[in-house]
Amino acid sequence: MENNFPKVTIILRGYNYEQVKTVMDVLKGKHDHYALEITLNSPDVLTTINKISKEYGNNFYIGAGTVLSLEDATNAIDAGAQFILSPIKLSKEILEMCKQKNILSIPGAMTPTEVMELKMNGADIIKIFPANTVGKKFFNDIQAPLGKLPLMAVGGVTLDNTVSFFENGADYVGIASGIFNKEDVLTQNIKGLKESLLLFENKVFK
């Protein structure tokens, strides 16, 4: 399942449905490159996830971020999230529920011990957070003894360092303010959003 998961997850934190919808419209046709994470600490978030997943879920992976508990995970999945992300190491119970419901799980880790525990507990992708704190070399360094792992760099990922995370052993990145200008999302500035996306793509996918 994670094999066809896009390399870049765009993280939208604190935006309403209309603002998220504008970003989705800008991403039209780019589902091979991007997944979308809507964080649970956003306004009326379960309604937003529900609407966006109904409108775009056939083409895009639409997920929930900042999942911290079994209740969070259950609510997000019931709303239509196809994957869940967390800044923390999710419990085995949550990871098993995701497996049963065919939901991709991306829990957070910061140490080799946490990474290995999550792998053994069935995490699909392991989010290294905060990635910029541990540094790019961390990704290759932990895979030397532990073997190839599906790792996502999140936290401090920007236009300028995305490629170097990939070059250093990360399979995926999650990017928030590093791709779109917050003001453009808030004001639904399609021209500005398209320009930012083009800049990112020219740097990362060319």
C-alpha atoms as a PDB file:
ATOM      1  CA  MET A   1       0.000   0.000   0.000  1.00  0.00           C
ATOM      2  CA  GLU A   2       2.756   2.463   0.888  1.00  0.00           C
ATOM      3  CA  ASN A   3       4.545   1.660  -2.378  1.00  0.00           C
ATOM      4  CA  ASN A   4       2.219   3.914  -4.358  1.00  0.00           C
ATOM      5  CA  PHE A   5       1.975   6.564  -1.647  1.00  0.00           C
ATOM      6  CA  PRO A   6       3.147   9.944  -3.046  1.00  0.00           C
ATOM      7  CA  LYS A   7       6.601  11.153  -2.060  1.00  0.00           C
ATOM      8  CA  VAL A   8       5.355  14.549  -0.818  1.00  0.00           C
ATOM      9  CA  THR A   9       2.594  15.066   1.755  1.00  0.00           C
ATOM     10  CA  ILE A  10       1.325  18.631   1.939  1.00  0.00           C
ATOM     11  CA  ILE A  11       0.383  19.497   5.526  1.00  0.00           C
ATOM     12  CA  LEU A  12      -2.466  21.974   6.007  1.00  0.00           C
ATOM     13  CA  ARG A  13      -2.761  23.164   9.605  1.00  0.00           C
ATOM     14  CA  GLY A  14      -5.429  25.547  10.839  1.00  0.00           C
ATOM     15  CA  TYR A  15      -7.315  26.102   7.576  1.00  0.00           C
ATOM     16  CA  ASN A  16     -11.046  25.856   6.938  1.00  0.00           C
ATOM     17  CA  TYR A  17     -12.815  23.792   4.274  1.00  0.00           C
ATOM     18  CA  GLU A  18     -12.866  26.538   1.613  1.00  0.00           C
ATOM     19  CA  GLN A  19      -9.134  27.178   2.048  1.00  0.00           C
ATOM     20  CA  VAL A  20      -8.311  23.463   1.848  1.00  0.00           C
ATOM     21  CA  LYS A  21     -10.534  23.119  -1.211  1.00  0.00           C
ATOM     22  CA  THR A  22      -8.622  25.930  -2.948  1.00  0.00           C
ATOM     23  CA  VAL A  23      -5.341  24.062  -2.378  1.00  0.00           C
ATOM     24  CA  MET A  24      -6.907  20.873  -3.771  1.00  0.00           C
ATOM     25  CA  ASP A  25      -8.039  22.741  -6.886  1.00  0.00           C
ATOM     26  CA  VAL A  26      -4.469  23.990  -7.401  1.00  0.00           C
ATOM     27  CA  LEU A  27      -3.190  20.396  -7.038  1.00  0.00           C
ATOM     28  CA  LYS A  28      -5.613  19.039  -9.641  1.00  0.00           C
ATOM     29  CA  GLY A  29      -4.070  16.226 -11.694  1.00  0.00           C
ATOM     30  CA  LYS A  30      -1.000  15.973  -9.436  1.00  0.00           C
ATOM     31  CA  HIS A  31      -2.113  13.029  -7.278  1.00  0.00           C
ATOM     32  CA  ASP A  32       0.977  10.994  -8.240  1.00  0.00           C
ATOM     33  CA  HIS A  33       3.199  13.542  -6.510  1.00  0.00           C
ATOM     34  CA  TYR A  34       1.170  14.750  -3.527  1.00  0.00           C
ATOM     35  CA  ALA A  35      -0.934  13.480  -0.653  1.00  0.00           C
ATOM     36  CA  LEU A  36      -2.836  15.910   1.574  1.00  0.00           C
ATOM     37  CA  GLU A  37      -2.775  15.949   5.364  1.00  0.00           C
ATOM     38  CA  ILE A  38      -5.377  18.010   7.233  1.00  0.00           C
ATOM     39  CA  THR A  39      -4.331  18.367  10.868  1.00  0.00           C
ATOM     40  CA  LEU A  40      -6.907  17.717  13.582  1.00  0.00           C
ATOM     41  CA  ASN A  41      -6.137  21.075  15.219  1.00  0.00           C
ATOM     42  CA  SER A  42      -7.951  22.861  12.375  1.00  0.00           C
ATOM     43  CA  PRO A  43     -11.431  24.472  12.539  1.00  0.00           C
ATOM     44  CA  ASP A  44     -14.386  22.074  12.106  1.00  0.00           C
ATOM     45  CA  VAL A  45     -11.814  19.565  10.912  1.00  0.00           C
ATOM     46  CA  LEU A  46     -13.899  16.393  10.737  1.00  0.00           C
ATOM     47  CA  THR A  47     -16.385  18.105   8.429  1.00  0.00           C
ATOM     48  CA  THR A  48     -13.499  19.338   6.263  1.00  0.00           C
ATOM     49  CA  ILE A  49     -11.930  15.867   6.074  1.00  0.00           C
ATOM     50  CA  ASN A  50     -15.327  14.360   5.252  1.00  0.00           C
ATOM     51  CA  LYS A  51     -16.089  16.808   2.444  1.00  0.00           C
ATOM     52  CA  ILE A  52     -12.583  16.833   0.951  1.00  0.00           C
ATOM     53  CA  SER A  53     -12.284  13.043   1.002  1.00  0.00           C
ATOM     54  CA  LYS A  54     -15.673  12.714  -0.729  1.00  0.00           C
ATOM     55  CA  GLU A  55     -14.723  15.272  -3.384  1.00  0.00           C
ATOM     56  CA  TYR A  56     -11.089  14.320  -4.007  1.00  0.00           C
ATOM     57  CA  GLY A  57     -10.508  10.954  -2.306  1.00  0.00           C
ATOM     58  CA  ASN A  58     -10.900   8.923  -5.491  1.00  0.00           C
ATOM     59  CA  ASN A  59      -7.781  10.543  -6.928  1.00  0.00           C
ATOM     60  CA  PHE A  60      -5.848  11.832  -3.918  1.00  0.00           C
ATOM     61  CA  TYR A  61      -4.761  10.337  -0.615  1.00  0.00           C
ATOM     62  CA  ILE A  62      -6.539  12.528   1.956  1.00  0.00           C
ATOM     63  CA  GLY A  63      -5.377  12.036   5.532  1.00  0.00           C
ATOM     64  CA  ALA A  64      -5.551  13.383   9.064  1.00  0.00           C
ATOM     65  CA  GLY A  65      -2.564  14.735  10.963  1.00  0.00           C
ATOM     66  CA  THR A  66      -1.769  15.452  14.611  1.00  0.00           C
ATOM     67  CA  VAL A  67      -3.523  12.217  15.597  1.00  0.00           C
ATOM     68  CA  LEU A  68      -2.662  11.706  19.272  1.00  0.00           C
ATOM     69  CA  SER A  69      -5.097   9.073  20.577  1.00  0.00           C
ATOM     70  CA  LEU A  70      -7.336   6.156  19.642  1.00  0.00           C
ATOM     71  CA  GLU A  71     -10.299   8.543  19.760  1.00  0.00           C
ATOM     72  CA  ASP A  72      -8.552  10.921  17.320  1.00  0.00           C
ATOM     73  CA  ALA A  73      -7.763   8.046  14.972  1.00  0.00           C
ATOM     74  CA  THR A  74     -11.289   6.633  15.094  1.00  0.00           C
ATOM     75  CA  ASN A  75     -12.902  10.038  14.494  1.00  0.00           C
ATOM     76  CA  ALA A  76     -10.567  10.809  11.585  1.00  0.00           C
ATOM     77  CA  ILE A  77     -11.114   7.433   9.907  1.00  0.00           C
ATOM     78  CA  ASP A  78     -14.887   7.672  10.400  1.00  0.00           C
ATOM     79  CA  ALA A  79     -14.755  11.095   8.730  1.00  0.00           C
ATOM     80  CA  GLY A  80     -13.051   9.593   5.684  1.00  0.00           C
ATOM     81  CA  ALA A  81      -9.294   9.899   6.292  1.00  0.00           C
ATOM     82  CA  GLN A  82      -7.349   7.380   4.186  1.00  0.00           C
ATOM     83  CA  PHE A  83      -4.191   7.719   6.255  1.00  0.00           C
ATOM     84  CA  ILE A  84      -3.258   9.090   9.664  1.00  0.00           C
ATOM     85  CA  LEU A  85      -0.086  10.848  10.784  1.00  0.00           C
ATOM     86  CA  SER A  86       1.143  11.608  14.253  1.00  0.00           C
ATOM     87  CA  PRO A  87       4.048  13.526  15.780  1.00  0.00           C
ATOM     88  CA  ILE A  88       4.241  10.734  18.411  1.00  0.00           C
ATOM     89  CA  LYS A  89       4.678   6.979  18.586  1.00  0.00           C
ATOM     90  CA  LEU A  90       1.158   5.616  18.223  1.00  0.00           C
ATOM     91  CA  SER A  91       0.047   2.617  20.279  1.00  0.00           C
ATOM     92  CA  LYS A  92      -0.042  -0.900  18.889  1.00  0.00           C
ATOM     93  CA  GLU A  93      -3.824  -0.786  19.312  1.00  0.00           C
ATOM     94  CA  ILE A  94      -4.109   2.188  16.932  1.00  0.00           C
ATOM     95  CA  LEU A  95      -1.735   0.633  14.389  1.00  0.00           C
ATOM     96  CA  GLU A  96      -3.701  -2.627  14.444  1.00  0.00           C
ATOM     97  CA  MET A  97      -6.988  -0.775  13.967  1.00  0.00           C
ATOM     98  CA  CYS A  98      -5.500   0.960  10.920  1.00  0.00           C
ATOM     99  CA  LYS A  99      -4.479  -2.409   9.480  1.00  0.00           C
ATOM    100  CA  GLN A 100      -7.995  -3.808  10.014  1.00  0.00           C
ATOM    101  CA  LYS A 101      -9.585  -0.803   8.317  1.00  0.00           C
ATOM    102  CA  ASN A 102      -6.984  -0.667   5.494  1.00  0.00           C
ATOM    103  CA  ILE A 103      -5.814   2.786   6.605  1.00  0.00           C
ATOM    104  CA  LEU A 104      -2.183   3.786   6.104  1.00  0.00           C
ATOM    105  CA  SER A 105      -0.470   4.591   9.419  1.00  0.00           C
ATOM    106  CA  ILE A 106       2.373   7.101   9.706  1.00  0.00           C
ATOM    107  CA  PRO A 107       3.329   7.427  13.404  1.00  0.00           C
ATOM    108  CA  GLY A 108       6.187   9.591  14.643  1.00  0.00           C
ATOM    109  CA  ALA A 109       9.597   8.589  15.995  1.00  0.00           C
ATOM    110  CA  MET A 110      12.873  10.271  16.849  1.00  0.00           C
ATOM    111  CA  THR A 111      15.183   7.440  17.936  1.00  0.00           C
ATOM    112  CA  PRO A 112      16.291   4.119  16.406  1.00  0.00           C
ATOM    113  CA  THR A 113      14.517   2.274  19.243  1.00  0.00           C
ATOM    114  CA  GLU A 114      11.202   4.000  18.512  1.00  0.00           C
ATOM    115  CA  VAL A 115      11.617   3.404  14.775  1.00  0.00           C
ATOM    116  CA  MET A 116      12.231  -0.319  15.284  1.00  0.00           C
ATOM    117  CA  GLU A 117       9.346  -0.668  17.721  1.00  0.00           C
ATOM    118  CA  LEU A 118       6.966   1.001  15.273  1.00  0.00           C
ATOM    119  CA  LYS A 119       8.175  -1.200  12.439  1.00  0.00           C
ATOM    120  CA  MET A 120       7.594  -4.334  14.528  1.00  0.00           C
ATOM    121  CA  ASN A 121       4.141  -3.058  15.528  1.00  0.00           C
ATOM    122  CA  GLY A 122       3.103  -2.732  11.895  1.00  0.00           C
ATOM    123  CA  ALA A 123       3.493   0.968  11.025  1.00  0.00           C
ATOM    124  CA  ASP A 124       3.298   1.459   7.246  1.00  0.00           C
ATOM    125  CA  ILE A 125       5.560   4.523   7.080  1.00  0.00           C
ATOM    126  CA  ILE A 126       7.546   5.959   9.988  1.00  0.00           C
ATOM    127  CA  LYS A 127       7.609   9.716  10.336  1.00  0.00           C
ATOM    128  CA  ILE A 128      10.909  11.046  11.645  1.00  0.00           C
ATOM    129  CA  PHE A 129       9.963  14.154  13.585  1.00  0.00           C
ATOM    130  CA  PRO A 130      11.304  16.753  13.915  1.00  0.00           C
ATOM    131  CA  ALA A 131      13.470  15.862  10.922  1.00  0.00           C
ATOM    132  CA  ASN A 132      15.426  19.092  10.865  1.00  0.00           C
ATOM    133  CA  THR A 133      16.461  18.559  14.489  1.00  0.00           C
ATOM    134  CA  VAL A 134      17.927  15.087  13.944  1.00  0.00           C
ATOM    135  CA  GLY A 135      19.356  16.173  10.580  1.00  0.00           C
ATOM    136  CA  LYS A 136      19.445  14.683   7.094  1.00  0.00           C
ATOM    137  CA  LYS A 137      22.258  12.206   7.800  1.00  0.00           C
ATOM    138  CA  PHE A 138      20.087  10.480  10.422  1.00  0.00           C
ATOM    139  CA  PHE A 139      18.045   8.786   7.680  1.00  0.00           C
ATOM    140  CA  ASN A 140      20.930   6.899   6.093  1.00  0.00           C
ATOM    141  CA  ASP A 141      22.665   6.405   9.430  1.00  0.00           C
ATOM    142  CA  ILE A 142      19.823   4.459  11.082  1.00  0.00           C
ATOM    143  CA  GLN A 143      19.171   2.361   7.977  1.00  0.00           C
ATOM    144  CA  ALA A 144      22.769   1.091   7.988  1.00  0.00           C
ATOM    145  CA  PRO A 145      22.146  -1.157  11.041  1.00  0.00           C
ATOM    146  CA  LEU A 146      18.331  -1.458  10.801  1.00  0.00           C
ATOM    147  CA  GLY A 147      17.952  -2.089   7.060  1.00  0.00           C
ATOM    148  CA  LYS A 148      15.801  -0.293   4.501  1.00  0.00           C
ATOM    149  CA  LEU A 149      12.857   1.433   6.157  1.00  0.00           C
ATOM    150  CA  PRO A 150       9.951   3.519   4.791  1.00  0.00           C
ATOM    151  CA  LEU A 151      10.836   6.853   6.422  1.00  0.00           C
ATOM    152  CA  MET A 152       9.142  10.224   6.077  1.00  0.00           C
ATOM    153  CA  ALA A 153      10.937  13.442   7.017  1.00  0.00           C
ATOM    154  CA  VAL A 154       8.627  15.958   8.722  1.00  0.00           C
ATOM    155  CA  GLY A 155       9.495  19.124  10.619  1.00  0.00           C
ATOM    156  CA  GLY A 156      11.572  21.848   9.058  1.00  0.00           C
ATOM    157  CA  VAL A 157      11.273  20.492   5.509  1.00  0.00           C
ATOM    158  CA  THR A 158      11.537  23.340   2.981  1.00  0.00           C
ATOM    159  CA  LEU A 159      11.824  24.040  -0.721  1.00  0.00           C
ATOM    160  CA  ASP A 160      15.602  24.180  -0.301  1.00  0.00           C
ATOM    161  CA  ASN A 161      16.206  20.967   1.662  1.00  0.00           C
ATOM    162  CA  THR A 162      13.559  18.531   0.330  1.00  0.00           C
ATOM    163  CA  VAL A 163      15.878  17.022  -2.284  1.00  0.00           C
ATOM    164  CA  SER A 164      18.679  16.518   0.228  1.00  0.00           C
ATOM    165  CA  PHE A 165      16.334  14.569   2.555  1.00  0.00           C
ATOM    166  CA  PHE A 166      15.563  12.264  -0.392  1.00  0.00           C
ATOM    167  CA  GLU A 167      19.258  11.973  -1.211  1.00  0.00           C
ATOM    168  CA  ASN A 168      20.008  11.008   2.398  1.00  0.00           C
ATOM    169  CA  GLY A 169      17.618   8.079   2.642  1.00  0.00           C
ATOM    170  CA  ALA A 170      14.124   9.491   3.251  1.00  0.00           C
ATOM    171  CA  ASP A 171      11.470   7.986   0.961  1.00  0.00           C
ATOM    172  CA  TYR A 172       8.881  10.638   1.778  1.00  0.00           C
ATOM    173  CA  VAL A 173       8.610  14.173   3.117  1.00  0.00           C
ATOM    174  CA  GLY A 174       5.806  16.062   4.826  1.00  0.00           C
ATOM    175  CA  ILE A 175       5.899  19.786   4.156  1.00  0.00           C
ATOM    176  CA  ALA A 176       3.801  22.567   5.680  1.00  0.00           C
ATOM    177  CA  SER A 177       4.899  26.197   5.405  1.00  0.00           C
ATOM    178  CA  GLY A 178       7.823  25.123   3.207  1.00  0.00           C
ATOM    179  CA  ILE A 179       5.682  24.882   0.066  1.00  0.00           C
ATOM    180  CA  PHE A 180       2.834  27.420   0.173  1.00  0.00           C
ATOM    181  CA  ASN A 181       2.779  30.950   1.539  1.00  0.00           C
ATOM    182  CA  LYS A 182       0.350  30.897   4.482  1.00  0.00           C
ATOM    183  CA  GLU A 183      -1.192  34.190   3.379  1.00  0.00           C
ATOM    184  CA  ASP A 184      -1.964  32.707  -0.052  1.00  0.00           C
ATOM    185  CA  VAL A 185      -3.856  29.819   1.550  1.00  0.00           C
ATOM    186  CA  LEU A 186      -5.763  32.118   3.914  1.00  0.00           C
ATOM    187  CA  THR A 187      -6.804  34.503   1.128  1.00  0.00           C
ATOM    188  CA  GLN A 188      -7.306  31.674  -1.407  1.00  0.00           C
ATOM    189  CA  ASN A 189      -4.852  33.344  -3.780  1.00  0.00           C
ATOM    190  CA  ILE A 190      -4.820  30.790  -6.602  1.00  0.00           C
ATOM    191  CA  LYS A 191      -2.183  32.645  -8.632  1.00  0.00           C
ATOM    192  CA  GLY A 192       0.215  32.758  -5.661  1.00  0.00           C
ATOM    193  CA  LEU A 193      -0.426  29.096  -4.786  1.00  0.00           C
ATOM    194  CA  LYS A 194       0.229  27.997  -8.374  1.00  0.00           C
ATOM    195  CA  GLU A 195       3.465  29.987  -8.497  1.00  0.00           C
ATOM    196  CA  SER A 196       4.688  28.399  -5.239  1.00  0.00           C
ATOM    197  CA  LEU A 197       3.790  24.919  -6.496  1.00  0.00           C
ATOM    198  CA  LEU A 198       5.628  25.469  -9.771  1.00  0.00           C
ATOM    199  CA  LEU A 199       8.710  26.697  -7.910  1.00  0.00           C
ATOM    200  CA  PHE A 200       8.633  23.596  -5.684  1.00  0.00           C
ATOM    201  CA  GLU A 201       8.151  21.208  -8.602  1.00  0.00           C
ATOM    202  CA  ASN A 202      10.947  22.744 -10.638  1.00  0.00           C
ATOM    203  CA  LYS A 203      13.299  22.222  -7.709  1.00  0.00           C
ATOM    204  CA  VAL A 204      12.118  18.810  -6.465  1.00  0.00           C
ATOM    205  CA  PHE A 205      10.727  16.874  -9.420  1.00  0.00           C
ATOM    206  CA  LYS A 206      12.899  18.093 -12.283  1.00  0.00           C
END
